[in-house]
Amino acid sequence: MNIAVCDDEENIRYLIKRLIEKQDASCRIMEFSSGEELLRFWEQEDREQLDILFLDISMDGTDGMETAEQIRDWKEEREEVLWGSLPLLIFVTGYPEYMPKAFSVNAFQYLVKPVDEKEFEDVFARAVRECRCLNRKKNTEPGEILVRSGNITRNVPVDDIYYIESSNRKIIVSMRDEEIECYGKISEMEDELREGFFRIHKGYLVNMKYVERYSRTEVQMKNGKRLLISKYKYQDFIKAYLEFIAEDGR
């Protein structure tokens, strides 16, 4: 487990690091003395995944709220999940009046300075449990699927798939920048892609992550494509989609 502590006060970073080390958890702790330093780390393509981030709100320069907003904006640009994703953000602040704004950047929890050791233990334990649940869920979901087109077999990231279309005896895998046409059955894709996908019509399997809007007759995807929805699938689709966005935290 990778944990980052970002605070411009060295004594606070030391205190949080010591409290983390007292907990029964195997982890690596990284320290950042400013929001700018943390954002430079975040911009690295090969950075290690952070599981928990302790972030001070009132730092000099780029403060904690601005730092969290930048991280949120980057996630939105990459169309990544905001709620229910890592790292879990825990604000550390001496100004509790700022905390209502924390929900706008998807904070998991906050601690008020001076940090109470018992409160820290409780918050940290909840964060560790949440991290383990998220990592288990991530590891059980298919990250890639094999798609054979002609003589070439490719690993296609599931998150890159907008929808899958059945056309005659072929299937078309539609992604952000390309379409892959191959032989296969859409029912087999449906069996493989259960989490986050829904069969809205005998000819369409959609990734609900990229659903922009829907009506009784069609589903519009975020790439502008309008797909026909079966009247027999409509009610089940609404139920599945509402459950999906609830879990996704949208």
C-alpha atoms as a PDB file:
ATOM      1  CA  MET A   1       0.000   0.000   0.000  1.00  0.00           C
ATOM      2  CA  ASN A   2       1.379   3.413  -1.020  1.00  0.00           C
ATOM      3  CA  ILE A   3       0.511   6.372   1.187  1.00  0.00           C
ATOM      4  CA  ALA A   4       1.411  10.009   0.537  1.00  0.00           C
ATOM      5  CA  VAL A   5       1.561  12.813   3.103  1.00  0.00           C
ATOM      6  CA  CYS A   6       1.498  16.333   1.666  1.00  0.00           C
ATOM      7  CA  ASP A   7       1.974  19.172   4.159  1.00  0.00           C
ATOM      8  CA  ASP A   8       4.268  22.194   4.171  1.00  0.00           C
ATOM      9  CA  GLU A   9       4.955  21.731   7.908  1.00  0.00           C
ATOM     10  CA  GLU A  10       7.678  19.167   8.517  1.00  0.00           C
ATOM     11  CA  ASN A  11       6.508  18.436  12.069  1.00  0.00           C
ATOM     12  CA  ILE A  12       3.006  17.566  10.805  1.00  0.00           C
ATOM     13  CA  ARG A  13       4.424  15.253   8.137  1.00  0.00           C
ATOM     14  CA  TYR A  14       6.530  13.583  10.810  1.00  0.00           C
ATOM     15  CA  LEU A  15       3.527  13.199  13.139  1.00  0.00           C
ATOM     16  CA  ILE A  16       1.303  11.633  10.468  1.00  0.00           C
ATOM     17  CA  LYS A  17       4.100   9.348   9.325  1.00  0.00           C
ATOM     18  CA  ARG A  18       4.645   8.196  12.919  1.00  0.00           C
ATOM     19  CA  LEU A  19       0.917   7.569  13.406  1.00  0.00           C
ATOM     20  CA  ILE A  20       0.766   5.551  10.180  1.00  0.00           C
ATOM     21  CA  GLU A  21       3.738   3.438  11.248  1.00  0.00           C
ATOM     22  CA  LYS A  22       1.971   2.638  14.521  1.00  0.00           C
ATOM     23  CA  GLN A  23      -0.934   1.037  12.686  1.00  0.00           C
ATOM     24  CA  ASP A  24      -0.977  -2.633  11.742  1.00  0.00           C
ATOM     25  CA  ALA A  25      -0.560  -2.064   8.012  1.00  0.00           C
ATOM     26  CA  SER A  26       2.230  -2.801   5.563  1.00  0.00           C
ATOM     27  CA  CYS A  27       2.819   0.344   3.540  1.00  0.00           C
ATOM     28  CA  ARG A  28       5.280   2.678   1.881  1.00  0.00           C
ATOM     29  CA  ILE A  29       5.069   6.329   2.890  1.00  0.00           C
ATOM     30  CA  MET A  30       5.968   9.187   0.535  1.00  0.00           C
ATOM     31  CA  GLU A  31       6.296  12.790   1.702  1.00  0.00           C
ATOM     32  CA  PHE A  32       5.592  15.999  -0.228  1.00  0.00           C
ATOM     33  CA  SER A  33       6.234  19.459   1.169  1.00  0.00           C
ATOM     34  CA  SER A  34       3.977  21.379  -1.219  1.00  0.00           C
ATOM     35  CA  GLY A  35       1.066  21.036  -3.578  1.00  0.00           C
ATOM     36  CA  GLU A  36       3.352  21.802  -6.511  1.00  0.00           C
ATOM     37  CA  GLU A  37       5.639  18.906  -5.574  1.00  0.00           C
ATOM     38  CA  LEU A  38       2.703  16.496  -5.348  1.00  0.00           C
ATOM     39  CA  LEU A  39       1.316  17.653  -8.721  1.00  0.00           C
ATOM     40  CA  ARG A  40       4.705  17.146 -10.387  1.00  0.00           C
ATOM     41  CA  PHE A  41       4.652  13.586  -9.076  1.00  0.00           C
ATOM     42  CA  TRP A  42       1.069  13.148 -10.333  1.00  0.00           C
ATOM     43  CA  GLU A  43       2.017  14.267 -13.847  1.00  0.00           C
ATOM     44  CA  GLN A  44       4.541  11.452 -14.233  1.00  0.00           C
ATOM     45  CA  GLU A  45       3.190   8.785 -16.560  1.00  0.00           C
ATOM     46  CA  ASP A  46       5.055   6.023 -14.735  1.00  0.00           C
ATOM     47  CA  ARG A  47       4.184   7.144 -11.208  1.00  0.00           C
ATOM     48  CA  GLU A  48       3.281   4.547  -8.625  1.00  0.00           C
ATOM     49  CA  GLN A  49      -0.370   4.279  -7.657  1.00  0.00           C
ATOM     50  CA  LEU A  50      -1.264   6.087  -4.448  1.00  0.00           C
ATOM     51  CA  ASP A  51      -3.774   4.326  -2.216  1.00  0.00           C
ATOM     52  CA  ILE A  52      -4.243   6.991   0.473  1.00  0.00           C
ATOM     53  CA  LEU A  53      -3.373  10.697   0.355  1.00  0.00           C
ATOM     54  CA  PHE A  54      -3.196  12.878   3.467  1.00  0.00           C
ATOM     55  CA  LEU A  55      -3.400  16.463   2.192  1.00  0.00           C
ATOM     56  CA  ASP A  56      -3.160  19.718   4.133  1.00  0.00           C
ATOM     57  CA  ILE A  57      -5.668  22.329   3.000  1.00  0.00           C
ATOM     58  CA  SER A  58      -3.836  25.531   4.007  1.00  0.00           C
ATOM     59  CA  MET A  59      -0.367  25.256   2.455  1.00  0.00           C
ATOM     60  CA  ASP A  60       1.662  28.110   1.009  1.00  0.00           C
ATOM     61  CA  GLY A  61       1.606  28.368  -2.777  1.00  0.00           C
ATOM     62  CA  THR A  62      -0.822  25.874  -4.291  1.00  0.00           C
ATOM     63  CA  ASP A  63      -2.969  24.950  -1.305  1.00  0.00           C
ATOM     64  CA  GLY A  64      -4.519  21.560  -0.655  1.00  0.00           C
ATOM     65  CA  MET A  65      -7.913  22.388  -2.115  1.00  0.00           C
ATOM     66  CA  GLU A  66      -6.402  23.701  -5.352  1.00  0.00           C
ATOM     67  CA  THR A  67      -4.186  20.618  -5.526  1.00  0.00           C
ATOM     68  CA  ALA A  68      -7.172  18.289  -5.064  1.00  0.00           C
ATOM     69  CA  GLU A  69      -9.163  20.223  -7.689  1.00  0.00           C
ATOM     70  CA  GLN A  70      -6.337  19.803 -10.199  1.00  0.00           C
ATOM     71  CA  ILE A  71      -6.176  16.056  -9.530  1.00  0.00           C
ATOM     72  CA  ARG A  72      -9.974  15.836  -9.917  1.00  0.00           C
ATOM     73  CA  ASP A  73      -9.815  17.750 -13.222  1.00  0.00           C
ATOM     74  CA  TRP A  74      -7.121  15.425 -14.564  1.00  0.00           C
ATOM     75  CA  LYS A  75      -9.261  12.414 -13.687  1.00  0.00           C
ATOM     76  CA  GLU A  76     -12.263  13.942 -15.448  1.00  0.00           C
ATOM     77  CA  GLU A  77     -10.176  14.642 -18.563  1.00  0.00           C
ATOM     78  CA  ARG A  78      -9.120  11.000 -18.632  1.00  0.00           C
ATOM     79  CA  GLU A  79     -12.717   9.937 -17.914  1.00  0.00           C
ATOM     80  CA  GLU A  80     -11.625   8.115 -14.774  1.00  0.00           C
ATOM     81  CA  VAL A  81     -13.952   7.278 -11.900  1.00  0.00           C
ATOM     82  CA  LEU A  82     -14.050  10.008  -9.240  1.00  0.00           C
ATOM     83  CA  TRP A  83     -15.958   8.458  -6.359  1.00  0.00           C
ATOM     84  CA  GLY A  84     -14.891   5.003  -5.298  1.00  0.00           C
ATOM     85  CA  SER A  85     -11.400   5.325  -6.744  1.00  0.00           C
ATOM     86  CA  LEU A  86      -7.860   5.573  -5.440  1.00  0.00           C
ATOM     87  CA  PRO A  87      -6.225   7.408  -3.854  1.00  0.00           C
ATOM     88  CA  LEU A  88      -8.591   8.008  -0.958  1.00  0.00           C
ATOM     89  CA  LEU A  89      -8.242  11.681  -0.063  1.00  0.00           C
ATOM     90  CA  ILE A  90      -8.046  12.581   3.617  1.00  0.00           C
ATOM     91  CA  PHE A  91      -7.764  16.298   4.325  1.00  0.00           C
ATOM     92  CA  VAL A  92      -5.758  17.444   7.318  1.00  0.00           C
ATOM     93  CA  THR A  93      -6.679  20.985   8.345  1.00  0.00           C
ATOM     94  CA  GLY A  94      -6.762  23.515  11.110  1.00  0.00           C
ATOM     95  CA  TYR A  95      -9.760  25.188   9.451  1.00  0.00           C
ATOM     96  CA  PRO A  96     -12.835  22.926   9.721  1.00  0.00           C
ATOM     97  CA  GLU A  97     -14.999  25.615   8.080  1.00  0.00           C
ATOM     98  CA  TYR A  98     -13.448  24.622   4.736  1.00  0.00           C
ATOM     99  CA  MET A  99     -14.650  21.042   4.996  1.00  0.00           C
ATOM    100  CA  PRO A 100     -18.051  21.404   3.241  1.00  0.00           C
ATOM    101  CA  LYS A 101     -16.091  22.218   0.077  1.00  0.00           C
ATOM    102  CA  ALA A 102     -14.198  18.934   0.441  1.00  0.00           C
ATOM    103  CA  PHE A 103     -17.108  17.019  -1.079  1.00  0.00           C
ATOM    104  CA  SER A 104     -16.566  18.845  -4.386  1.00  0.00           C
ATOM    105  CA  VAL A 105     -13.195  17.105  -4.719  1.00  0.00           C
ATOM    106  CA  ASN A 106     -14.463  13.717  -3.513  1.00  0.00           C
ATOM    107  CA  ALA A 107     -12.717  13.648  -0.144  1.00  0.00           C
ATOM    108  CA  PHE A 108     -12.994  10.395   1.792  1.00  0.00           C
ATOM    109  CA  GLN A 109     -12.582  11.954   5.251  1.00  0.00           C
ATOM    110  CA  TYR A 110     -10.841  14.761   7.083  1.00  0.00           C
ATOM    111  CA  LEU A 111      -8.821  15.261  10.267  1.00  0.00           C
ATOM    112  CA  VAL A 112      -8.685  18.496  12.263  1.00  0.00           C
ATOM    113  CA  LYS A 113      -5.391  19.770  13.671  1.00  0.00           C
ATOM    114  CA  PRO A 114      -4.122  19.088  16.250  1.00  0.00           C
ATOM    115  CA  VAL A 115      -4.622  15.506  15.084  1.00  0.00           C
ATOM    116  CA  ASP A 116      -6.134  13.272  17.743  1.00  0.00           C
ATOM    117  CA  GLU A 117      -4.447   9.856  17.779  1.00  0.00           C
ATOM    118  CA  LYS A 118      -7.626   7.862  18.439  1.00  0.00           C
ATOM    119  CA  GLU A 119      -9.507   9.681  15.689  1.00  0.00           C
ATOM    120  CA  PHE A 120      -6.584   9.058  13.344  1.00  0.00           C
ATOM    121  CA  GLU A 121      -6.693   5.322  14.102  1.00  0.00           C
ATOM    122  CA  ASP A 122     -10.414   5.165  13.301  1.00  0.00           C
ATOM    123  CA  VAL A 123     -10.134   7.129  10.043  1.00  0.00           C
ATOM    124  CA  PHE A 124      -7.061   5.195   8.931  1.00  0.00           C
ATOM    125  CA  ALA A 125      -8.692   1.826   9.643  1.00  0.00           C
ATOM    126  CA  ARG A 126     -11.737   2.773   7.541  1.00  0.00           C
ATOM    127  CA  ALA A 127      -9.494   3.967   4.718  1.00  0.00           C
ATOM    128  CA  VAL A 128      -7.492   0.728   4.716  1.00  0.00           C
ATOM    129  CA  ARG A 129     -10.687  -1.358   4.583  1.00  0.00           C
ATOM    130  CA  GLU A 130     -11.978   0.747   1.681  1.00  0.00           C
ATOM    131  CA  CYS A 131      -8.671   0.413  -0.193  1.00  0.00           C
ATOM    132  CA  ARG A 132      -8.731  -3.353   0.156  1.00  0.00           C
ATOM    133  CA  CYS A 133     -12.324  -3.531  -1.094  1.00  0.00           C
ATOM    134  CA  LEU A 134     -11.533  -1.326  -4.103  1.00  0.00           C
ATOM    135  CA  ASN A 135      -8.430  -3.344  -4.975  1.00  0.00           C
ATOM    136  CA  ARG A 136     -10.352  -6.630  -4.714  1.00  0.00           C
ATOM    137  CA  LYS A 137     -13.041  -5.257  -7.012  1.00  0.00           C
ATOM    138  CA  LYS A 138     -10.422  -4.002  -9.468  1.00  0.00           C
ATOM    139  CA  ASN A 139      -8.651  -7.350  -9.532  1.00  0.00           C
ATOM    140  CA  THR A 140     -11.853  -9.300 -10.197  1.00  0.00           C
ATOM    141  CA  GLU A 141     -12.964  -7.139 -13.118  1.00  0.00           C
ATOM    142  CA  PRO A 142     -11.571  -7.899 -16.576  1.00  0.00           C
ATOM    143  CA  GLY A 143      -8.932  -5.301 -17.446  1.00  0.00           C
ATOM    144  CA  GLU A 144      -8.562  -6.465 -21.034  1.00  0.00           C
ATOM    145  CA  ILE A 145     -10.272  -8.726 -23.528  1.00  0.00           C
ATOM    146  CA  LEU A 146      -8.804 -10.605 -26.472  1.00  0.00           C
ATOM    147  CA  VAL A 147     -10.109  -9.500 -29.865  1.00  0.00           C
ATOM    148  CA  ARG A 148      -9.115 -11.261 -33.074  1.00  0.00           C
ATOM    149  CA  SER A 149      -9.261  -9.243 -36.286  1.00  0.00           C
ATOM    150  CA  GLY A 150      -8.033 -11.058 -39.365  1.00  0.00           C
ATOM    151  CA  ASN A 151      -4.766 -12.736 -38.454  1.00  0.00           C
ATOM    152  CA  ILE A 152      -4.082 -10.379 -35.572  1.00  0.00           C
ATOM    153  CA  THR A 153      -5.131 -10.946 -31.955  1.00  0.00           C
ATOM    154  CA  ARG A 154      -5.128  -7.895 -29.703  1.00  0.00           C
ATOM    155  CA  ASN A 155      -5.537  -7.156 -26.035  1.00  0.00           C
ATOM    156  CA  VAL A 156      -8.151  -4.396 -25.830  1.00  0.00           C
ATOM    157  CA  PRO A 157      -8.548  -2.453 -22.536  1.00  0.00           C
ATOM    158  CA  VAL A 158     -12.137  -2.784 -21.337  1.00  0.00           C
ATOM    159  CA  ASP A 159     -12.240   0.885 -20.301  1.00  0.00           C
ATOM    160  CA  ASP A 160     -11.522   1.922 -23.907  1.00  0.00           C
ATOM    161  CA  ILE A 161     -14.648   0.216 -25.258  1.00  0.00           C
ATOM    162  CA  TYR A 162     -17.633   2.515 -25.848  1.00  0.00           C
ATOM    163  CA  TYR A 163     -19.964  -0.137 -27.203  1.00  0.00           C
ATOM    164  CA  ILE A 164     -20.042  -3.383 -29.173  1.00  0.00           C
ATOM    165  CA  GLU A 165     -22.270  -3.809 -32.215  1.00  0.00           C
ATOM    166  CA  SER A 166     -23.435  -7.022 -33.854  1.00  0.00           C
ATOM    167  CA  SER A 167     -23.517  -6.752 -37.645  1.00  0.00           C
ATOM    168  CA  ASN A 168     -24.423  -9.837 -39.684  1.00  0.00           C
ATOM    169  CA  ARG A 169     -22.037 -12.511 -38.424  1.00  0.00           C
ATOM    170  CA  LYS A 170     -19.446 -10.008 -37.239  1.00  0.00           C
ATOM    171  CA  ILE A 171     -19.027  -7.807 -34.215  1.00  0.00           C
ATOM    172  CA  ILE A 172     -17.663  -4.272 -34.218  1.00  0.00           C
ATOM    173  CA  VAL A 173     -15.810  -3.097 -31.114  1.00  0.00           C
ATOM    174  CA  SER A 174     -16.165   0.694 -31.042  1.00  0.00           C
ATOM    175  CA  MET A 175     -13.544   2.611 -29.068  1.00  0.00           C
ATOM    176  CA  ARG A 176     -12.471   6.219 -28.657  1.00  0.00           C
ATOM    177  CA  ASP A 177     -10.222   6.405 -31.718  1.00  0.00           C
ATOM    178  CA  GLU A 178     -10.977   3.296 -33.762  1.00  0.00           C
ATOM    179  CA  GLU A 179     -13.309   0.423 -34.541  1.00  0.00           C
ATOM    180  CA  ILE A 180     -12.237  -3.205 -34.674  1.00  0.00           C
ATOM    181  CA  GLU A 181     -14.244  -5.560 -36.860  1.00  0.00           C
ATOM    182  CA  CYS A 182     -13.989  -9.258 -36.126  1.00  0.00           C
ATOM    183  CA  TYR A 183     -15.922 -12.522 -36.204  1.00  0.00           C
ATOM    184  CA  GLY A 184     -17.723 -13.506 -33.043  1.00  0.00           C
ATOM    185  CA  LYS A 185     -20.973 -13.413 -31.136  1.00  0.00           C
ATOM    186  CA  ILE A 186     -22.174 -10.450 -29.121  1.00  0.00           C
ATOM    187  CA  SER A 187     -23.622 -12.893 -26.564  1.00  0.00           C
ATOM    188  CA  GLU A 188     -20.091 -14.136 -25.843  1.00  0.00           C
ATOM    189  CA  MET A 189     -18.930 -10.565 -25.304  1.00  0.00           C
ATOM    190  CA  GLU A 190     -21.899  -9.990 -22.999  1.00  0.00           C
ATOM    191  CA  ASP A 191     -20.885 -12.985 -20.878  1.00  0.00           C
ATOM    192  CA  GLU A 192     -17.303 -11.733 -20.659  1.00  0.00           C
ATOM    193  CA  LEU A 193     -18.143  -8.079 -20.009  1.00  0.00           C
ATOM    194  CA  ARG A 194     -20.658  -8.229 -17.193  1.00  0.00           C
ATOM    195  CA  GLU A 195     -19.485  -5.430 -14.894  1.00  0.00           C
ATOM    196  CA  GLY A 196     -20.500  -2.019 -16.215  1.00  0.00           C
ATOM    197  CA  PHE A 197     -21.918  -3.222 -19.551  1.00  0.00           C
ATOM    198  CA  PHE A 198     -25.551  -3.676 -20.600  1.00  0.00           C
ATOM    199  CA  ARG A 199     -27.213  -5.272 -23.638  1.00  0.00           C
ATOM    200  CA  ILE A 200     -29.709  -2.592 -24.684  1.00  0.00           C
ATOM    201  CA  HIS A 201     -30.693  -4.364 -27.912  1.00  0.00           C
ATOM    202  CA  LYS A 202     -29.917  -7.640 -29.634  1.00  0.00           C
ATOM    203  CA  GLY A 203     -27.395  -5.698 -31.690  1.00  0.00           C
ATOM    204  CA  TYR A 204     -25.807  -3.421 -29.055  1.00  0.00           C
ATOM    205  CA  LEU A 205     -23.817  -3.929 -25.859  1.00  0.00           C
ATOM    206  CA  VAL A 206     -22.911  -0.594 -24.236  1.00  0.00           C
ATOM    207  CA  ASN A 207     -20.351   0.474 -21.674  1.00  0.00           C
ATOM    208  CA  MET A 208     -22.471   2.443 -19.187  1.00  0.00           C
ATOM    209  CA  LYS A 209     -19.438   4.544 -18.316  1.00  0.00           C
ATOM    210  CA  TYR A 210     -19.851   6.277 -21.687  1.00  0.00           C
ATOM    211  CA  VAL A 211     -23.631   6.751 -21.714  1.00  0.00           C
ATOM    212  CA  GLU A 212     -24.389  10.447 -22.188  1.00  0.00           C
ATOM    213  CA  ARG A 213     -28.217  10.349 -22.092  1.00  0.00           C
ATOM    214  CA  TYR A 214     -31.091   8.064 -22.982  1.00  0.00           C
ATOM    215  CA  SER A 215     -34.755   8.046 -23.971  1.00  0.00           C
ATOM    216  CA  ARG A 216     -37.316   5.314 -24.508  1.00  0.00           C
ATOM    217  CA  THR A 217     -36.062   4.761 -28.044  1.00  0.00           C
ATOM    218  CA  GLU A 218     -32.310   5.349 -27.984  1.00  0.00           C
ATOM    219  CA  VAL A 219     -29.142   5.662 -25.931  1.00  0.00           C
ATOM    220  CA  GLN A 220     -26.682   8.414 -26.836  1.00  0.00           C
ATOM    221  CA  MET A 221     -23.032   7.690 -26.108  1.00  0.00           C
ATOM    222  CA  LYS A 222     -20.402  10.265 -25.183  1.00  0.00           C
ATOM    223  CA  ASN A 223     -18.882  10.027 -28.643  1.00  0.00           C
ATOM    224  CA  GLY A 224     -22.223  11.220 -30.112  1.00  0.00           C
ATOM    225  CA  LYS A 225     -23.342   7.831 -31.434  1.00  0.00           C
ATOM    226  CA  ARG A 226     -27.073   7.132 -31.007  1.00  0.00           C
ATOM    227  CA  LEU A 227     -27.990   3.489 -30.456  1.00  0.00           C
ATOM    228  CA  LEU A 228     -31.426   1.884 -30.628  1.00  0.00           C
ATOM    229  CA  ILE A 229     -32.758   0.528 -27.327  1.00  0.00           C
ATOM    230  CA  SER A 230     -35.289  -2.289 -27.250  1.00  0.00           C
ATOM    231  CA  LYS A 231     -38.597  -1.463 -25.563  1.00  0.00           C
ATOM    232  CA  TYR A 232     -38.277  -4.797 -23.760  1.00  0.00           C
ATOM    233  CA  LYS A 233     -34.884  -3.757 -22.339  1.00  0.00           C
ATOM    234  CA  TYR A 234     -35.776  -0.205 -21.337  1.00  0.00           C
ATOM    235  CA  GLN A 235     -36.909  -0.742 -17.727  1.00  0.00           C
ATOM    236  CA  ASP A 236     -34.071  -3.155 -16.950  1.00  0.00           C
ATOM    237  CA  PHE A 237     -31.598  -0.716 -18.479  1.00  0.00           C
ATOM    238  CA  ILE A 238     -32.821   2.167 -16.302  1.00  0.00           C
ATOM    239  CA  LYS A 239     -32.493   0.035 -13.180  1.00  0.00           C
ATOM    240  CA  ALA A 240     -29.006  -1.164 -14.127  1.00  0.00           C
ATOM    241  CA  TYR A 241     -27.848   2.329 -15.113  1.00  0.00           C
ATOM    242  CA  LEU A 242     -29.075   3.940 -11.879  1.00  0.00           C
ATOM    243  CA  GLU A 243     -27.306   1.240  -9.868  1.00  0.00           C
ATOM    244  CA  PHE A 244     -24.161   1.821 -11.920  1.00  0.00           C
ATOM    245  CA  ILE A 245     -24.053   5.598 -11.376  1.00  0.00           C
ATOM    246  CA  ALA A 246     -24.820   5.130  -7.667  1.00  0.00           C
ATOM    247  CA  GLU A 247     -21.838   2.806  -7.286  1.00  0.00           C
ATOM    248  CA  ASP A 248     -19.720   5.065  -9.487  1.00  0.00           C
ATOM    249  CA  GLY A 249     -20.517   8.068  -7.299  1.00  0.00           C
ATOM    250  CA  ARG A 250     -21.733  10.312 -10.098  1.00  0.00           C
END
